[in-house]
């Protein structure tokens, strides 16, 4: 005597696989979104906590208002300008990097072929060569400030 075994309908297997695939896809999508968010958050400026900035003579306090505008309190001009430069670089690093590359005629390294003509123009102007040549005329304070940031 043969016993008839009821077979599962292929339609149900397909639905089960589709639900599992959809669930895995959602989990992967959420993982990618979280990873991108963490990566982008790392490049944002540090606005809370304490930062040790080499070259400061006395403690400096930076308070940001509700619009994110920094207000700097320093005991002397040296520390004020050093903190201001650090905050400016922190807030606008990408823009500063693009401006530096443009003035050096090296913007195509990050943008691509569309800026080659622009790079040729700025290399012809020689702004980088002029800046390097003018370093000798800087005051000792100016050279010290540049050296502090070149190290960091």
N, C-alpha and C. Protein backbone atom coordinates (compact mmCIF):
# COMPACT_ATOMS: atom_id res chain seq x y z
N UNK A 1 0.82 -1.15 0.00
CA UNK A 1 0.00 0.00 0.00
C UNK A 1 0.88 1.25 0.00
N UNK A 2 0.58 2.11 -0.87
CA UNK A 2 1.35 3.35 -0.99
C UNK A 2 0.64 4.46 -0.24
N UNK A 3 1.48 5.22 0.48
CA UNK A 3 0.95 6.36 1.22
C UNK A 3 1.22 7.61 0.40
N UNK A 4 0.22 8.36 0.18
CA UNK A 4 0.39 9.59 -0.59
C UNK A 4 0.90 10.70 0.34
N UNK A 5 2.05 11.24 -0.01
CA UNK A 5 2.63 12.33 0.76
C UNK A 5 2.24 13.64 0.08
N UNK A 6 1.57 14.48 0.84
CA UNK A 6 1.19 15.75 0.21
C UNK A 6 2.44 16.60 -0.02
N UNK A 7 2.55 17.06 -1.22
CA UNK A 7 3.70 17.89 -1.56
C UNK A 7 3.34 19.36 -1.40
N UNK A 8 4.39 20.12 -0.94
CA UNK A 8 4.18 21.55 -0.76
C UNK A 8 4.07 22.20 -2.13
N UNK A 9 3.22 23.13 -2.21
CA UNK A 9 3.02 23.80 -3.49
C UNK A 9 4.25 24.66 -3.79
N UNK A 10 4.70 24.67 -5.04
CA UNK A 10 5.87 25.48 -5.40
C UNK A 10 5.64 26.97 -5.17
N UNK A 11 4.41 27.40 -5.20
CA UNK A 11 4.10 28.81 -5.01
C UNK A 11 4.52 29.26 -3.61
N UNK A 12 4.30 28.43 -2.61
CA UNK A 12 4.66 28.78 -1.23
C UNK A 12 6.17 28.84 -1.06
N UNK A 13 6.90 27.96 -1.70
CA UNK A 13 8.36 28.01 -1.62
C UNK A 13 8.87 29.31 -2.22
N UNK A 14 8.28 29.71 -3.31
CA UNK A 14 8.70 30.94 -3.96
C UNK A 14 8.45 32.14 -3.06
N UNK A 15 7.29 32.16 -2.41
CA UNK A 15 6.98 33.26 -1.50
C UNK A 15 7.94 33.30 -0.31
N UNK A 16 8.23 32.16 0.22
CA UNK A 16 9.15 32.08 1.36
C UNK A 16 10.54 32.59 0.98
N UNK A 17 11.02 32.18 -0.18
CA UNK A 17 12.33 32.64 -0.66
C UNK A 17 12.32 34.13 -0.93
N UNK A 18 11.23 34.62 -1.50
CA UNK A 18 11.13 36.05 -1.79
C UNK A 18 11.14 36.87 -0.50
N UNK A 19 10.42 36.40 0.53
CA UNK A 19 10.41 37.11 1.81
C UNK A 19 11.79 37.12 2.45
N UNK A 20 12.50 35.99 2.42
CA UNK A 20 13.85 35.92 2.97
C UNK A 20 14.79 36.84 2.19
N UNK A 21 14.68 36.82 0.89
CA UNK A 21 15.54 37.68 0.07
C UNK A 21 15.27 39.15 0.36
N UNK A 22 13.99 39.49 0.48
CA UNK A 22 13.62 40.87 0.78
C UNK A 22 14.16 41.28 2.17
N UNK A 23 14.05 40.41 3.14
CA UNK A 23 14.56 40.69 4.49
C UNK A 23 16.07 40.91 4.49
N UNK A 24 16.79 40.05 3.78
CA UNK A 24 18.24 40.18 3.69
C UNK A 24 18.61 41.48 2.97
N UNK A 25 17.87 41.81 1.93
CA UNK A 25 18.11 43.05 1.20
C UNK A 25 17.90 44.27 2.10
N UNK A 26 16.86 44.26 2.89
CA UNK A 26 16.58 45.36 3.82
C UNK A 26 17.71 45.48 4.84
N UNK A 27 18.17 44.37 5.37
CA UNK A 27 19.26 44.37 6.37
C UNK A 27 20.54 44.92 5.73
N UNK A 28 20.85 44.50 4.51
CA UNK A 28 22.03 45.01 3.82
C UNK A 28 21.92 46.50 3.56
N UNK A 29 20.75 46.94 3.13
CA UNK A 29 20.53 48.36 2.86
C UNK A 29 20.70 49.19 4.13
N UNK A 30 20.12 48.73 5.23
CA UNK A 30 20.29 49.43 6.51
C UNK A 30 21.75 49.46 6.95
N UNK A 31 22.46 48.36 6.74
CA UNK A 31 23.88 48.31 7.11
C UNK A 31 24.69 49.32 6.30
N UNK A 32 24.41 49.42 5.02
CA UNK A 32 25.12 50.38 4.17
C UNK A 32 24.79 51.81 4.59
N UNK A 33 23.52 52.09 4.88
CA UNK A 33 23.14 53.43 5.32
C UNK A 33 23.82 53.81 6.63
N UNK A 34 23.90 52.88 7.56
CA UNK A 34 24.56 53.14 8.83
C UNK A 34 26.06 53.38 8.61
N UNK A 35 26.70 52.57 7.76
CA UNK A 35 28.13 52.74 7.48
C UNK A 35 28.40 54.10 6.83
N UNK A 36 27.57 54.50 5.89
CA UNK A 36 27.75 55.80 5.24
C UNK A 36 27.57 56.93 6.24
N UNK A 37 26.58 56.81 7.11
CA UNK A 37 26.35 57.83 8.13
C UNK A 37 27.54 57.95 9.08
N UNK A 38 28.09 56.84 9.50
CA UNK A 38 29.26 56.86 10.39
C UNK A 38 30.45 57.48 9.67
N UNK A 39 30.66 57.13 8.41
CA UNK A 39 31.77 57.68 7.64
C UNK A 39 31.64 59.19 7.48
N UNK A 40 30.45 59.66 7.14
CA UNK A 40 30.24 61.09 6.96
C UNK A 40 30.34 61.84 8.28
N UNK A 41 29.92 61.24 9.36
CA UNK A 41 30.00 61.89 10.67
C UNK A 41 31.44 62.08 11.13
N UNK A 42 32.32 61.17 10.71
CA UNK A 42 33.73 61.30 11.09
C UNK A 42 34.36 62.55 10.50
N UNK A 43 33.88 63.00 9.35
CA UNK A 43 34.50 64.14 8.70
C UNK A 43 33.94 65.47 9.18
N UNK A 44 32.95 65.42 10.07
CA UNK A 44 32.40 66.66 10.62
C UNK A 44 33.32 67.22 11.69
N UNK A 45 33.31 68.53 11.90
CA UNK A 45 34.19 69.11 12.91
C UNK A 45 33.78 68.68 14.32
N UNK A 46 34.78 68.58 15.19
CA UNK A 46 34.55 68.26 16.60
C UNK A 46 34.06 69.52 17.29
N UNK A 47 32.81 69.51 17.75
CA UNK A 47 32.24 70.71 18.36
C UNK A 47 31.96 70.54 19.85
N UNK A 48 32.20 69.37 20.39
CA UNK A 48 31.98 69.14 21.82
C UNK A 48 33.22 68.50 22.42
N UNK A 49 33.43 68.74 23.69
CA UNK A 49 34.56 68.13 24.36
C UNK A 49 35.79 69.01 24.31
N UNK A 50 36.93 68.42 24.65
CA UNK A 50 38.19 69.15 24.69
C UNK A 50 39.13 68.63 23.62
N UNK A 51 39.90 69.55 23.04
CA UNK A 51 40.90 69.21 22.03
C UNK A 51 42.22 69.79 22.50
N UNK A 52 43.27 69.00 22.42
CA UNK A 52 44.60 69.48 22.77
C UNK A 52 45.25 70.02 21.50
N UNK A 53 45.49 71.32 21.48
CA UNK A 53 46.06 71.97 20.30
C UNK A 53 47.49 72.39 20.61
N UNK A 54 48.48 71.80 19.93
CA UNK A 54 49.87 72.16 20.20
C UNK A 54 50.14 73.61 19.82
N UNK A 55 50.94 74.29 20.64
CA UNK A 55 51.29 75.67 20.36
C UNK A 55 50.55 76.69 21.18
N UNK A 56 49.49 76.26 21.88
CA UNK A 56 48.76 77.20 22.73
C UNK A 56 49.57 77.52 23.98
N UNK A 57 49.56 78.79 24.38
CA UNK A 57 50.27 79.21 25.58
C UNK A 57 49.38 79.10 26.82
N UNK A 58 48.09 79.37 26.67
CA UNK A 58 47.13 79.29 27.77
C UNK A 58 45.85 78.65 27.24
N UNK A 59 44.98 78.19 28.14
CA UNK A 59 43.72 77.56 27.70
C UNK A 59 42.85 78.53 26.90
N UNK A 60 42.16 78.00 25.91
CA UNK A 60 41.25 78.76 25.06
C UNK A 60 39.88 78.09 25.14
N UNK A 61 38.84 78.90 25.20
CA UNK A 61 37.47 78.37 25.23
C UNK A 61 36.77 78.76 23.94
N UNK A 62 36.13 77.77 23.33
CA UNK A 62 35.35 78.01 22.11
C UNK A 62 33.92 77.57 22.40
N UNK A 63 32.99 78.48 22.23
CA UNK A 63 31.58 78.19 22.44
C UNK A 63 30.87 78.46 21.12
N UNK A 64 30.04 77.52 20.71
CA UNK A 64 29.27 77.70 19.48
C UNK A 64 27.84 78.05 19.84
N UNK A 65 27.30 79.04 19.14
CA UNK A 65 25.91 79.42 19.41
C UNK A 65 24.96 78.46 18.70
N UNK A 66 23.68 78.75 18.76
CA UNK A 66 22.68 77.84 18.19
C UNK A 66 22.80 77.70 16.67
N UNK A 67 23.45 78.64 16.03
CA UNK A 67 23.67 78.57 14.58
C UNK A 67 24.99 77.90 14.22
N UNK A 68 25.77 77.50 15.23
CA UNK A 68 27.05 76.85 14.99
C UNK A 68 28.21 77.81 14.82
N UNK A 69 27.97 79.11 15.06
CA UNK A 69 29.03 80.11 14.91
C UNK A 69 29.94 80.03 16.14
N UNK A 70 31.26 79.86 15.93
CA UNK A 70 32.18 79.77 17.06
C UNK A 70 32.49 81.14 17.67
N UNK A 71 32.54 81.19 19.00
CA UNK A 71 32.94 82.38 19.75
C UNK A 71 34.15 81.97 20.58
N UNK A 72 35.28 82.64 20.34
CA UNK A 72 36.56 82.24 20.95
C UNK A 72 36.93 83.18 22.06
N UNK A 73 37.29 82.63 23.21
CA UNK A 73 37.80 83.39 24.34
C UNK A 73 39.23 82.92 24.61
N UNK A 74 40.19 83.85 24.44
CA UNK A 74 41.60 83.51 24.65
C UNK A 74 42.26 84.59 25.47
N UNK A 75 43.34 84.21 26.19
CA UNK A 75 44.04 85.15 27.06
C UNK A 75 45.00 86.06 26.29
N UNK A 76 45.38 85.67 25.07
CA UNK A 76 46.32 86.48 24.29
C UNK A 76 46.04 86.32 22.80
N UNK A 77 46.62 87.22 22.01
CA UNK A 77 46.37 87.20 20.57
C UNK A 77 46.92 85.95 19.90
N UNK A 78 48.08 85.50 20.35
CA UNK A 78 48.69 84.30 19.77
C UNK A 78 47.72 83.13 19.84
N UNK A 79 47.18 82.89 21.02
CA UNK A 79 46.26 81.77 21.21
C UNK A 79 44.95 81.99 20.45
N UNK A 80 44.50 83.25 20.42
CA UNK A 80 43.27 83.57 19.69
C UNK A 80 43.41 83.22 18.22
N UNK A 81 44.48 83.67 17.59
CA UNK A 81 44.66 83.43 16.16
C UNK A 81 44.93 81.95 15.86
N UNK A 82 45.64 81.29 16.75
CA UNK A 82 45.90 79.87 16.55
C UNK A 82 44.59 79.08 16.62
N UNK A 83 43.77 79.39 17.62
CA UNK A 83 42.47 78.71 17.75
C UNK A 83 41.56 79.05 16.58
N UNK A 84 41.58 80.30 16.15
CA UNK A 84 40.74 80.70 15.02
C UNK A 84 41.14 79.94 13.75
N UNK A 85 42.42 79.84 13.52
CA UNK A 85 42.89 79.09 12.35
C UNK A 85 42.51 77.63 12.41
N UNK A 86 42.62 77.05 13.60
CA UNK A 86 42.25 75.64 13.77
C UNK A 86 40.76 75.44 13.50
N UNK A 87 39.93 76.30 14.06
CA UNK A 87 38.48 76.18 13.88
C UNK A 87 38.11 76.41 12.42
N UNK A 88 38.74 77.38 11.80
CA UNK A 88 38.47 77.67 10.38
C UNK A 88 38.83 76.44 9.54
N UNK A 89 39.98 75.86 9.81
CA UNK A 89 40.39 74.68 9.06
C UNK A 89 39.46 73.51 9.33
N UNK A 90 39.05 73.35 10.56
CA UNK A 90 38.16 72.26 10.94
C UNK A 90 36.81 72.38 10.24
N UNK A 91 36.26 73.58 10.19
CA UNK A 91 34.95 73.79 9.61
C UNK A 91 34.96 73.79 8.09
N UNK A 92 36.08 74.20 7.49
CA UNK A 92 36.09 74.40 6.04
C UNK A 92 37.25 73.66 5.37
N UNK A 93 37.61 72.52 5.90
CA UNK A 93 38.78 71.79 5.40
C UNK A 93 38.65 71.41 3.92
N UNK A 94 37.49 70.92 3.51
CA UNK A 94 37.32 70.51 2.12
C UNK A 94 37.50 71.70 1.18
N UNK A 95 36.88 72.83 1.54
CA UNK A 95 36.99 74.03 0.70
C UNK A 95 38.45 74.51 0.66
N UNK A 96 39.12 74.49 1.81
CA UNK A 96 40.51 74.92 1.85
C UNK A 96 41.41 74.01 1.01
N UNK A 97 41.14 72.71 1.05
CA UNK A 97 41.93 71.77 0.26
C UNK A 97 41.73 72.02 -1.23
N UNK A 98 40.49 72.24 -1.65
CA UNK A 98 40.24 72.53 -3.07
C UNK A 98 40.89 73.84 -3.49
N UNK A 99 40.84 74.86 -2.63
CA UNK A 99 41.47 76.14 -2.96
C UNK A 99 42.98 76.00 -3.07
N UNK A 100 43.58 75.23 -2.17
CA UNK A 100 45.03 74.98 -2.23
C UNK A 100 45.40 74.25 -3.50
N UNK A 101 44.63 73.24 -3.85
CA UNK A 101 44.90 72.49 -5.08
C UNK A 101 44.72 73.37 -6.32
N UNK A 102 43.70 74.23 -6.29
CA UNK A 102 43.48 75.11 -7.44
C UNK A 102 44.65 76.07 -7.61
N UNK A 103 45.08 76.70 -6.53
CA UNK A 103 46.18 77.66 -6.60
C UNK A 103 47.49 76.98 -7.03
N UNK A 104 47.65 75.69 -6.70
CA UNK A 104 48.86 74.95 -7.08
C UNK A 104 48.76 74.35 -8.47
N UNK A 105 47.57 74.41 -9.08
CA UNK A 105 47.40 73.79 -10.39
C UNK A 105 47.29 72.28 -10.29
N UNK A 106 46.70 71.79 -9.20
CA UNK A 106 46.58 70.35 -8.98
C UNK A 106 45.13 69.93 -8.70
N UNK A 107 44.17 70.70 -9.16
CA UNK A 107 42.77 70.40 -8.92
C UNK A 107 42.31 69.15 -9.68
N UNK A 108 42.91 68.89 -10.82
CA UNK A 108 42.53 67.72 -11.62
C UNK A 108 42.79 66.41 -10.91
N UNK A 109 43.66 66.42 -9.91
CA UNK A 109 43.94 65.19 -9.16
C UNK A 109 42.70 64.65 -8.47
N UNK A 110 41.81 65.54 -8.07
CA UNK A 110 40.59 65.09 -7.38
C UNK A 110 39.33 65.28 -8.21
N UNK A 111 39.31 66.26 -9.10
CA UNK A 111 38.11 66.53 -9.89
C UNK A 111 38.09 65.74 -11.19
N UNK A 112 39.22 65.67 -11.85
CA UNK A 112 39.29 64.94 -13.11
C UNK A 112 39.69 65.83 -14.27
N UNK A 113 39.48 65.31 -15.46
CA UNK A 113 39.95 65.97 -16.67
C UNK A 113 39.28 67.32 -16.95
N UNK A 114 38.13 67.54 -16.38
CA UNK A 114 37.41 68.79 -16.65
C UNK A 114 38.17 70.03 -16.18
N UNK A 115 39.11 69.87 -15.25
CA UNK A 115 39.82 71.03 -14.70
C UNK A 115 41.27 71.13 -15.17
N UNK A 116 41.65 70.34 -16.16
CA UNK A 116 43.04 70.39 -16.66
C UNK A 116 43.38 71.77 -17.20
N UNK A 117 42.47 72.36 -17.94
CA UNK A 117 42.72 73.70 -18.50
C UNK A 117 42.93 74.71 -17.38
N UNK A 118 42.12 74.62 -16.35
CA UNK A 118 42.24 75.48 -15.17
C UNK A 118 43.60 75.27 -14.48
N UNK A 119 44.02 74.01 -14.35
CA UNK A 119 45.31 73.71 -13.73
C UNK A 119 46.47 74.31 -14.53
N UNK A 120 46.40 74.21 -15.84
CA UNK A 120 47.46 74.79 -16.68
C UNK A 120 47.56 76.29 -16.45
N UNK A 121 46.41 76.94 -16.36
CA UNK A 121 46.38 78.39 -16.14
C UNK A 121 47.04 78.75 -14.80
N UNK A 122 46.66 78.05 -13.73
CA UNK A 122 47.21 78.37 -12.41
C UNK A 122 48.68 77.99 -12.29
N UNK A 123 49.11 76.95 -12.98
CA UNK A 123 50.54 76.62 -12.97
C UNK A 123 51.33 77.70 -13.71
N UNK A 124 50.73 78.26 -14.75
CA UNK A 124 51.38 79.36 -15.48
C UNK A 124 51.51 80.59 -14.58
N UNK A 125 50.48 80.86 -13.77
CA UNK A 125 50.54 81.99 -12.85
C UNK A 125 51.65 81.82 -11.81
N UNK A 126 51.90 80.59 -11.39
CA UNK A 126 52.99 80.31 -10.45
C UNK A 126 52.70 80.74 -9.02
N UNK A 127 51.45 80.66 -8.58
CA UNK A 127 51.12 81.07 -7.22
C UNK A 127 51.83 80.22 -6.17
N UNK A 128 51.96 78.93 -6.41
CA UNK A 128 52.64 78.07 -5.45
C UNK A 128 54.12 78.44 -5.34
N UNK A 129 54.77 78.66 -6.48
CA UNK A 129 56.19 79.04 -6.46
C UNK A 129 56.37 80.36 -5.72
N UNK A 130 55.45 81.31 -5.94
CA UNK A 130 55.55 82.61 -5.27
C UNK A 130 55.37 82.45 -3.76
N UNK A 131 54.44 81.58 -3.34
CA UNK A 131 54.21 81.36 -1.91
C UNK A 131 55.44 80.71 -1.27
N UNK A 132 56.03 79.74 -1.94
CA UNK A 132 57.23 79.08 -1.40
C UNK A 132 58.40 80.06 -1.33
N UNK A 133 58.53 80.92 -2.32
CA UNK A 133 59.62 81.90 -2.33
C UNK A 133 59.43 82.96 -1.25
N UNK A 134 58.19 83.28 -0.91
CA UNK A 134 57.93 84.32 0.09
C UNK A 134 58.11 83.83 1.52
N UNK A 135 58.25 82.54 1.73
CA UNK A 135 58.41 81.98 3.07
C UNK A 135 59.61 82.60 3.80
N UNK A 136 60.67 82.85 3.09
CA UNK A 136 61.87 83.43 3.70
C UNK A 136 61.60 84.80 4.31
N UNK A 137 60.62 85.53 3.78
CA UNK A 137 60.32 86.87 4.28
C UNK A 137 59.34 86.85 5.46
N UNK A 138 58.83 85.70 5.84
CA UNK A 138 57.88 85.62 6.96
C UNK A 138 58.58 85.93 8.27
N UNK A 139 57.81 86.47 9.23
CA UNK A 139 58.34 86.70 10.57
C UNK A 139 58.53 85.35 11.25
N UNK A 140 59.27 85.34 12.34
CA UNK A 140 59.48 84.07 13.05
C UNK A 140 58.16 83.52 13.59
N UNK A 141 57.23 84.41 14.01
CA UNK A 141 55.92 83.96 14.48
C UNK A 141 55.13 83.31 13.34
N UNK A 142 55.19 83.91 12.17
CA UNK A 142 54.49 83.36 11.01
C UNK A 142 55.03 82.00 10.61
N UNK A 143 56.36 81.88 10.61
CA UNK A 143 56.97 80.58 10.29
C UNK A 143 56.62 79.53 11.32
N UNK A 144 56.61 79.94 12.61
CA UNK A 144 56.28 79.02 13.68
C UNK A 144 54.84 78.52 13.53
N UNK A 145 53.93 79.41 13.21
CA UNK A 145 52.53 79.02 13.03
C UNK A 145 52.39 78.04 11.86
N UNK A 146 53.07 78.29 10.76
CA UNK A 146 53.00 77.40 9.62
C UNK A 146 53.60 76.03 9.96
N UNK A 147 54.71 76.03 10.70
CA UNK A 147 55.36 74.78 11.07
C UNK A 147 54.48 73.95 12.01
N UNK A 148 53.75 74.61 12.92
CA UNK A 148 52.87 73.88 13.85
C UNK A 148 51.81 73.13 13.06
N UNK A 149 51.20 73.77 12.08
CA UNK A 149 50.15 73.13 11.32
C UNK A 149 50.69 72.16 10.28
N UNK A 150 51.91 72.36 9.83
CA UNK A 150 52.51 71.41 8.88
C UNK A 150 52.79 70.08 9.58
N UNK A 151 53.12 70.14 10.87
CA UNK A 151 53.38 68.91 11.64
C UNK A 151 52.10 68.15 11.91
N UNK A 152 51.02 68.87 12.21
CA UNK A 152 49.75 68.24 12.61
C UNK A 152 48.99 67.83 11.44
